[in-house]
Amino acid sequence: MRLDKYLKVSRLIKRRTVANEACDNGRISVNGRVVKASYDVKVGDKIEIALGNRTLAVEVLVVAETVRKDDAAAMYKEV
């Protein structure tokens, strides 16, 4: 699954266009490397999101195309 879609489905970022812009601006890194929105997310990847003055680090636990809102938080674990 593409990184921008994963960020939207897991509700780490509210909209896919915002996730895409964050990737283009170099605010998102996976496993220590700045990546593009087309990066293929895999289980075990560590994603760091720099939004504003805070950084959120998560580890991917599940990659699913669609998830209910209540189950979205189970897709990742905060590090």
PDB file of N, CA and C in Angstrom:
ATOM      1  N   MET A   1       0.836  -1.176   0.000  1.00  0.00           N
ATOM      2  CA  MET A   1       0.000   0.000   0.000  1.00  0.00           C
ATOM      3  C   MET A   1       0.885   1.246   0.000  1.00  0.00           C
ATOM      4  N   ARG A   2       0.488   2.250  -0.739  1.00  0.00           N
ATOM      5  CA  ARG A   2       1.235   3.507  -0.790  1.00  0.00           C
ATOM      6  C   ARG A   2       1.249   4.174   0.589  1.00  0.00           C
ATOM      7  N   LEU A   3       2.319   4.887   0.856  1.00  0.00           N
ATOM      8  CA  LEU A   3       2.482   5.551   2.149  1.00  0.00           C
ATOM      9  C   LEU A   3       1.385   6.574   2.407  1.00  0.00           C
ATOM     10  N   ASP A   4       1.060   7.409   1.418  1.00  0.00           N
ATOM     11  CA  ASP A   4       0.032   8.424   1.642  1.00  0.00           C
ATOM     12  C   ASP A   4      -1.330   7.798   1.938  1.00  0.00           C
ATOM     13  N   LYS A   5      -1.643   6.686   1.283  1.00  0.00           N
ATOM     14  CA  LYS A   5      -2.912   6.001   1.551  1.00  0.00           C
ATOM     15  C   LYS A   5      -2.899   5.362   2.937  1.00  0.00           C
ATOM     16  N   TYR A   6      -1.765   4.774   3.328  1.00  0.00           N
ATOM     17  CA  TYR A   6      -1.671   4.177   4.666  1.00  0.00           C
ATOM     18  C   TYR A   6      -1.895   5.227   5.753  1.00  0.00           C
ATOM     19  N   LEU A   7      -1.292   6.398   5.586  1.00  0.00           N
ATOM     20  CA  LEU A   7      -1.438   7.455   6.583  1.00  0.00           C
ATOM     21  C   LEU A   7      -2.891   7.893   6.702  1.00  0.00           C
ATOM     22  N   LYS A   8      -3.620   7.904   5.596  1.00  0.00           N
ATOM     23  CA  LYS A   8      -5.031   8.274   5.626  1.00  0.00           C
ATOM     24  C   LYS A   8      -5.884   7.164   6.231  1.00  0.00           C
ATOM     25  N   VAL A   9      -5.682   5.915   5.787  1.00  0.00           N
ATOM     26  CA  VAL A   9      -6.495   4.797   6.277  1.00  0.00           C
ATOM     27  C   VAL A   9      -6.288   4.586   7.776  1.00  0.00           C
ATOM     28  N   SER A  10      -5.054   4.741   8.243  1.00  0.00           N
ATOM     29  CA  SER A  10      -4.771   4.555   9.666  1.00  0.00           C
ATOM     30  C   SER A  10      -5.137   5.793  10.481  1.00  0.00           C
ATOM     31  N   ARG A  11      -5.552   6.845   9.789  1.00  0.00           N
ATOM     32  CA  ARG A  11      -5.966   8.105  10.401  1.00  0.00           C
ATOM     33  C   ARG A  11      -4.846   8.804  11.170  1.00  0.00           C
ATOM     34  N   LEU A  12      -3.603   8.560  10.763  1.00  0.00           N
ATOM     35  CA  LEU A  12      -2.486   9.331  11.315  1.00  0.00           C
ATOM     36  C   LEU A  12      -2.523  10.749  10.751  1.00  0.00           C
ATOM     37  N   ILE A  13      -2.950  10.864   9.482  1.00  0.00           N
ATOM     38  CA  ILE A  13      -3.176  12.160   8.840  1.00  0.00           C
ATOM     39  C   ILE A  13      -4.588  12.115   8.262  1.00  0.00           C
ATOM     40  N   LYS A  14      -5.323  13.205   8.424  1.00  0.00           N
ATOM     41  CA  LYS A  14      -6.752  13.204   8.115  1.00  0.00           C
ATOM     42  C   LYS A  14      -7.078  13.021   6.631  1.00  0.00           C
ATOM     43  N   ARG A  15      -6.326  13.663   5.747  1.00  0.00           N
ATOM     44  CA  ARG A  15      -6.624  13.591   4.317  1.00  0.00           C
ATOM     45  C   ARG A  15      -5.416  13.095   3.525  1.00  0.00           C
ATOM     46  N   ARG A  16      -5.692  12.384   2.438  1.00  0.00           N
ATOM     47  CA  ARG A  16      -4.617  11.830   1.619  1.00  0.00           C
ATOM     48  C   ARG A  16      -3.811  12.929   0.941  1.00  0.00           C
ATOM     49  N   THR A  17      -4.459  14.022   0.555  1.00  0.00           N
ATOM     50  CA  THR A  17      -3.729  15.120  -0.086  1.00  0.00           C
ATOM     51  C   THR A  17      -2.754  15.763   0.893  1.00  0.00           C
ATOM     52  N   VAL A  18      -3.149  15.866   2.155  1.00  0.00           N
ATOM     53  CA  VAL A  18      -2.252  16.423   3.173  1.00  0.00           C
ATOM     54  C   VAL A  18      -1.077  15.477   3.396  1.00  0.00           C
ATOM     55  N   ALA A  19      -1.345  14.181   3.404  1.00  0.00           N
ATOM     56  CA  ALA A  19      -0.276  13.184   3.552  1.00  0.00           C
ATOM     57  C   ALA A  19       0.683  13.256   2.370  1.00  0.00           C
ATOM     58  N   ASN A  20       0.143  13.439   1.180  1.00  0.00           N
ATOM     59  CA  ASN A  20       0.964  13.545  -0.026  1.00  0.00           C
ATOM     60  C   ASN A  20       1.863  14.779   0.036  1.00  0.00           C
ATOM     61  N   GLU A  21       1.309  15.914   0.479  1.00  0.00           N
ATOM     62  CA  GLU A  21       2.093  17.142   0.599  1.00  0.00           C
ATOM     63  C   GLU A  21       3.183  17.000   1.661  1.00  0.00           C
ATOM     64  N   ALA A  22       2.873  16.327   2.772  1.00  0.00           N
ATOM     65  CA  ALA A  22       3.868  16.116   3.823  1.00  0.00           C
ATOM     66  C   ALA A  22       5.030  15.284   3.289  1.00  0.00           C
ATOM     67  N   CYS A  23       4.738  14.282   2.471  1.00  0.00           N
ATOM     68  CA  CYS A  23       5.795  13.467   1.861  1.00  0.00           C
ATOM     69  C   CYS A  23       6.634  14.309   0.907  1.00  0.00           C
ATOM     70  N   ASP A  24       5.979  15.131   0.099  1.00  0.00           N
ATOM     71  CA  ASP A  24       6.690  15.967  -0.870  1.00  0.00           C
ATOM     72  C   ASP A  24       7.603  16.978  -0.183  1.00  0.00           C
ATOM     73  N   ASN A  25       7.212  17.436   1.007  1.00  0.00           N
ATOM     74  CA  ASN A  25       8.005  18.424   1.741  1.00  0.00           C
ATOM     75  C   ASN A  25       9.069  17.788   2.631  1.00  0.00           C
ATOM     76  N   GLY A  26       9.213  16.465   2.589  1.00  0.00           N
ATOM     77  CA  GLY A  26      10.256  15.777   3.356  1.00  0.00           C
ATOM     78  C   GLY A  26       9.971  15.674   4.832  1.00  0.00           C
ATOM     79  N   ARG A  27       8.702  15.724   5.232  1.00  0.00           N
ATOM     80  CA  ARG A  27       8.340  15.669   6.651  1.00  0.00           C
ATOM     81  C   ARG A  27       8.102  14.244   7.156  1.00  0.00           C
ATOM     82  N   ILE A  28       8.115  13.270   6.247  1.00  0.00           N
ATOM     83  CA  ILE A  28       7.852  11.886   6.636  1.00  0.00           C
ATOM     84  C   ILE A  28       9.034  11.015   6.249  1.00  0.00           C
ATOM     85  N   SER A  29       9.521  10.250   7.221  1.00  0.00           N
ATOM     86  CA  SER A  29      10.612   9.322   6.943  1.00  0.00           C
ATOM     87  C   SER A  29      10.220   7.923   7.399  1.00  0.00           C
ATOM     88  N   VAL A  30      10.717   6.934   6.683  1.00  0.00           N
ATOM     89  CA  VAL A  30      10.453   5.531   7.009  1.00  0.00           C
ATOM     90  C   VAL A  30      11.792   4.843   7.204  1.00  0.00           C
ATOM     91  N   ASN A  31      11.973   4.222   8.346  1.00  0.00           N
ATOM     92  CA  ASN A  31      13.214   3.531   8.693  1.00  0.00           C
ATOM     93  C   ASN A  31      14.428   4.445   8.547  1.00  0.00           C
ATOM     94  N   GLY A  32      14.249   5.719   8.912  1.00  0.00           N
ATOM     95  CA  GLY A  32      15.358   6.661   8.902  1.00  0.00           C
ATOM     96  C   GLY A  32      15.642   7.337   7.574  1.00  0.00           C
ATOM     97  N   ARG A  33      14.853   7.044   6.535  1.00  0.00           N
ATOM     98  CA  ARG A  33      15.054   7.657   5.225  1.00  0.00           C
ATOM     99  C   ARG A  33      13.823   8.473   4.853  1.00  0.00           C
ATOM    100  N   VAL A  34      14.048   9.666   4.306  1.00  0.00           N
ATOM    101  CA  VAL A  34      12.939  10.465   3.783  1.00  0.00           C
ATOM    102  C   VAL A  34      12.449   9.778   2.515  1.00  0.00           C
ATOM    103  N   VAL A  35      11.140   9.564   2.425  1.00  0.00           N
ATOM    104  CA  VAL A  35      10.578   8.812   1.301  1.00  0.00           C
ATOM    105  C   VAL A  35       9.474   9.613   0.617  1.00  0.00           C
ATOM    106  N   LYS A  36       9.123   9.172  -0.590  1.00  0.00           N
ATOM    107  CA  LYS A  36       8.035   9.777  -1.351  1.00  0.00           C
ATOM    108  C   LYS A  36       6.714   9.120  -0.969  1.00  0.00           C
ATOM    109  N   ALA A  37       5.627   9.719  -1.425  1.00  0.00           N
ATOM    110  CA  ALA A  37       4.286   9.212  -1.122  1.00  0.00           C
ATOM    111  C   ALA A  37       4.044   7.836  -1.735  1.00  0.00           C
ATOM    112  N   SER A  38       4.797   7.487  -2.774  1.00  0.00           N
ATOM    113  CA  SER A  38       4.592   6.205  -3.450  1.00  0.00           C
ATOM    114  C   SER A  38       5.316   5.047  -2.766  1.00  0.00           C
ATOM    115  N   TYR A  39       6.003   5.296  -1.655  1.00  0.00           N
ATOM    116  CA  TYR A  39       6.716   4.235  -0.937  1.00  0.00           C
ATOM    117  C   TYR A  39       5.739   3.128  -0.553  1.00  0.00           C
ATOM    118  N   ASP A  40       6.144   1.873  -0.697  1.00  0.00           N
ATOM    119  CA  ASP A  40       5.302   0.718  -0.377  1.00  0.00           C
ATOM    120  C   ASP A  40       5.474   0.351   1.100  1.00  0.00           C
ATOM    121  N   VAL A  41       4.445   0.594   1.895  1.00  0.00           N
ATOM    122  CA  VAL A  41       4.498   0.341   3.340  1.00  0.00           C
ATOM    123  C   VAL A  41       4.402  -1.153   3.615  1.00  0.00           C
ATOM    124  N   LYS A  42       5.255  -1.639   4.525  1.00  0.00           N
ATOM    125  CA  LYS A  42       5.259  -3.039   4.912  1.00  0.00           C
ATOM    126  C   LYS A  42       5.147  -3.141   6.437  1.00  0.00           C
ATOM    127  N   VAL A  43       4.694  -4.283   6.917  1.00  0.00           N
ATOM    128  CA  VAL A  43       4.610  -4.514   8.361  1.00  0.00           C
ATOM    129  C   VAL A  43       6.018  -4.457   8.942  1.00  0.00           C
ATOM    130  N   GLY A  44       6.176  -3.738  10.046  1.00  0.00           N
ATOM    131  CA  GLY A  44       7.475  -3.608  10.692  1.00  0.00           C
ATOM    132  C   GLY A  44       8.180  -2.300  10.376  1.00  0.00           C
ATOM    133  N   ASP A  45       7.698  -1.557   9.380  1.00  0.00           N
ATOM    134  CA  ASP A  45       8.293  -0.255   9.056  1.00  0.00           C
ATOM    135  C   ASP A  45       8.101   0.714  10.212  1.00  0.00           C
ATOM    136  N   LYS A  46       9.089   1.578  10.426  1.00  0.00           N
ATOM    137  CA  LYS A  46       8.993   2.620  11.438  1.00  0.00           C
ATOM    138  C   LYS A  46       8.832   3.961  10.727  1.00  0.00           C
ATOM    139  N   ILE A  47       7.699   4.606  10.937  1.00  0.00           N
ATOM    140  CA  ILE A  47       7.361   5.859  10.270  1.00  0.00           C
ATOM    141  C   ILE A  47       7.493   7.003  11.260  1.00  0.00           C
ATOM    142  N   GLU A  48       8.202   8.062  10.854  1.00  0.00           N
ATOM    143  CA  GLU A  48       8.310   9.275  11.656  1.00  0.00           C
ATOM    144  C   GLU A  48       7.650  10.414  10.901  1.00  0.00           C
ATOM    145  N   ILE A  49       6.721  11.100  11.577  1.00  0.00           N
ATOM    146  CA  ILE A  49       5.973  12.188  10.973  1.00  0.00           C
ATOM    147  C   ILE A  49       6.286  13.470  11.737  1.00  0.00           C
ATOM    148  N   ALA A  50       6.827  14.463  11.036  1.00  0.00           N
ATOM    149  CA  ALA A  50       7.142  15.756  11.649  1.00  0.00           C
ATOM    150  C   ALA A  50       6.082  16.758  11.212  1.00  0.00           C
ATOM    151  N   LEU A  51       5.136  17.029  12.092  1.00  0.00           N
ATOM    152  CA  LEU A  51       4.087  18.003  11.812  1.00  0.00           C
ATOM    153  C   LEU A  51       4.150  19.095  12.869  1.00  0.00           C
ATOM    154  N   GLY A  52       4.325  20.314  12.421  1.00  0.00           N
ATOM    155  CA  GLY A  52       4.449  21.415  13.371  1.00  0.00           C
ATOM    156  C   GLY A  52       5.744  21.292  14.150  1.00  0.00           C
ATOM    157  N   ASN A  53       5.662  21.437  15.459  1.00  0.00           N
ATOM    158  CA  ASN A  53       6.866  21.350  16.289  1.00  0.00           C
ATOM    159  C   ASN A  53       6.989  20.021  17.016  1.00  0.00           C
ATOM    160  N   ARG A  54       6.183  19.023  16.625  1.00  0.00           N
ATOM    161  CA  ARG A  54       6.281  17.712  17.266  1.00  0.00           C
ATOM    162  C   ARG A  54       6.534  16.623  16.236  1.00  0.00           C
ATOM    163  N   THR A  55       7.103  15.537  16.702  1.00  0.00           N
ATOM    164  CA  THR A  55       7.381  14.399  15.832  1.00  0.00           C
ATOM    165  C   THR A  55       6.682  13.171  16.397  1.00  0.00           C
ATOM    166  N   LEU A  56       5.963  12.469  15.541  1.00  0.00           N
ATOM    167  CA  LEU A  56       5.255  11.258  15.931  1.00  0.00           C
ATOM    168  C   LEU A  56       5.955  10.070  15.288  1.00  0.00           C
ATOM    169  N   ALA A  57       6.347   9.095  16.099  1.00  0.00           N
ATOM    170  CA  ALA A  57       7.006   7.895  15.583  1.00  0.00           C
ATOM    171  C   ALA A  57       6.103   6.690  15.849  1.00  0.00           C
ATOM    172  N   VAL A  58       5.832   5.920  14.795  1.00  0.00           N
ATOM    173  CA  VAL A  58       4.973   4.740  14.918  1.00  0.00           C
ATOM    174  C   VAL A  58       5.605   3.560  14.190  1.00  0.00           C
ATOM    175  N   GLU A  59       5.205   2.360  14.607  1.00  0.00           N
ATOM    176  CA  GLU A  59       5.628   1.135  13.937  1.00  0.00           C
ATOM    177  C   GLU A  59       4.397   0.503  13.308  1.00  0.00           C
ATOM    178  N   VAL A  60       4.501   0.098  12.051  1.00  0.00           N
ATOM    179  CA  VAL A  60       3.373  -0.483  11.314  1.00  0.00           C
ATOM    180  C   VAL A  60       3.135  -1.908  11.809  1.00  0.00           C
ATOM    181  N   LEU A  61       1.891  -2.191  12.238  1.00  0.00           N
ATOM    182  CA  LEU A  61       1.514  -3.530  12.689  1.00  0.00           C
ATOM    183  C   LEU A  61       0.659  -4.259  11.661  1.00  0.00           C
ATOM    184  N   VAL A  62      -0.212  -3.517  10.968  1.00  0.00           N
ATOM    185  CA  VAL A  62      -1.139  -4.112  10.003  1.00  0.00           C
ATOM    186  C   VAL A  62      -1.244  -3.190   8.796  1.00  0.00           C
ATOM    187  N   VAL A  63      -1.297  -3.789   7.607  1.00  0.00           N
ATOM    188  CA  VAL A  63      -1.556  -3.028   6.385  1.00  0.00           C
ATOM    189  C   VAL A  63      -2.865  -3.564   5.813  1.00  0.00           C
ATOM    190  N   ALA A  64      -3.912  -2.714   5.798  1.00  0.00           N
ATOM    191  CA  ALA A  64      -5.225  -3.114   5.300  1.00  0.00           C
ATOM    192  C   ALA A  64      -5.796  -2.005   4.431  1.00  0.00           C
ATOM    193  N   GLU A  65      -6.513  -2.387   3.367  1.00  0.00           N
ATOM    194  CA  GLU A  65      -7.064  -1.410   2.433  1.00  0.00           C
ATOM    195  C   GLU A  65      -8.149  -0.547   3.073  1.00  0.00           C
ATOM    196  N   THR A  66      -9.031  -1.168   3.835  1.00  0.00           N
ATOM    197  CA  THR A  66     -10.097  -0.431   4.506  1.00  0.00           C
ATOM    198  C   THR A  66     -10.184  -0.868   5.955  1.00  0.00           C
ATOM    199  N   VAL A  67     -10.431   0.094   6.830  1.00  0.00           N
ATOM    200  CA  VAL A  67     -10.521  -0.187   8.262  1.00  0.00           C
ATOM    201  C   VAL A  67     -11.591   0.715   8.848  1.00  0.00           C
ATOM    202  N   ARG A  68     -12.363   0.177   9.786  1.00  0.00           N
ATOM    203  CA  ARG A  68     -13.346   1.009  10.476  1.00  0.00           C
ATOM    204  C   ARG A  68     -12.625   2.016  11.360  1.00  0.00           C
ATOM    205  N   LYS A  69     -13.279   3.117  11.619  1.00  0.00           N
ATOM    206  CA  LYS A  69     -12.686   4.195  12.409  1.00  0.00           C
ATOM    207  C   LYS A  69     -12.215   3.702  13.770  1.00  0.00           C
ATOM    208  N   ASP A  70     -13.009   2.842  14.405  1.00  0.00           N
ATOM    209  CA  ASP A  70     -12.670   2.335  15.736  1.00  0.00           C
ATOM    210  C   ASP A  70     -11.433   1.440  15.727  1.00  0.00           C
ATOM    211  N   ASP A  71     -11.169   0.775  14.606  1.00  0.00           N
ATOM    212  CA  ASP A  71     -10.062  -0.165  14.511  1.00  0.00           C
ATOM    213  C   ASP A  71      -8.795   0.444  13.928  1.00  0.00           C
ATOM    214  N   ALA A  72      -8.830   1.705  13.523  1.00  0.00           N
ATOM    215  CA  ALA A  72      -7.691   2.339  12.848  1.00  0.00           C
ATOM    216  C   ALA A  72      -6.462   2.396  13.748  1.00  0.00           C
ATOM    217  N   ALA A  73      -6.643   2.623  15.036  1.00  0.00           N
ATOM    218  CA  ALA A  73      -5.507   2.741  15.954  1.00  0.00           C
ATOM    219  C   ALA A  73      -4.756   1.417  16.124  1.00  0.00           C
ATOM    220  N   ALA A  74      -5.390   0.312  15.770  1.00  0.00           N
ATOM    221  CA  ALA A  74      -4.744  -1.005  15.891  1.00  0.00           C
ATOM    222  C   ALA A  74      -3.794  -1.279  14.733  1.00  0.00           C
ATOM    223  N   MET A  75      -3.735  -0.382  13.747  1.00  0.00           N
ATOM    224  CA  MET A  75      -2.857  -0.577  12.591  1.00  0.00           C
ATOM    225  C   MET A  75      -1.407  -0.217  12.899  1.00  0.00           C
ATOM    226  N   TYR A  76      -1.183   0.514  13.987  1.00  0.00           N
ATOM    227  CA  TYR A  76       0.166   0.968  14.319  1.00  0.00           C
ATOM    228  C   TYR A  76       0.365   0.991  15.821  1.00  0.00           C
ATOM    229  N   LYS A  77       1.645   1.097  16.217  1.00  0.00           N
ATOM    230  CA  LYS A  77       1.998   1.196  17.633  1.00  0.00           C
ATOM    231  C   LYS A  77       2.936   2.381  17.768  1.00  0.00           C
ATOM    232  N   GLU A  78       2.651   3.271  18.728  1.00  0.00           N
ATOM    233  CA  GLU A  78       3.529   4.426  18.942  1.00  0.00           C
ATOM    234  C   GLU A  78       4.822   3.963  19.575  1.00  0.00           C
ATOM    235  N   VAL A  79       5.929   4.531  19.087  1.00  0.00           N
ATOM    236  CA  VAL A  79       7.259   4.160  19.589  1.00  0.00           C
ATOM    237  C   VAL A  79       7.777   5.280  20.462  1.00  0.00           C
TER     238      VAL A  79
END
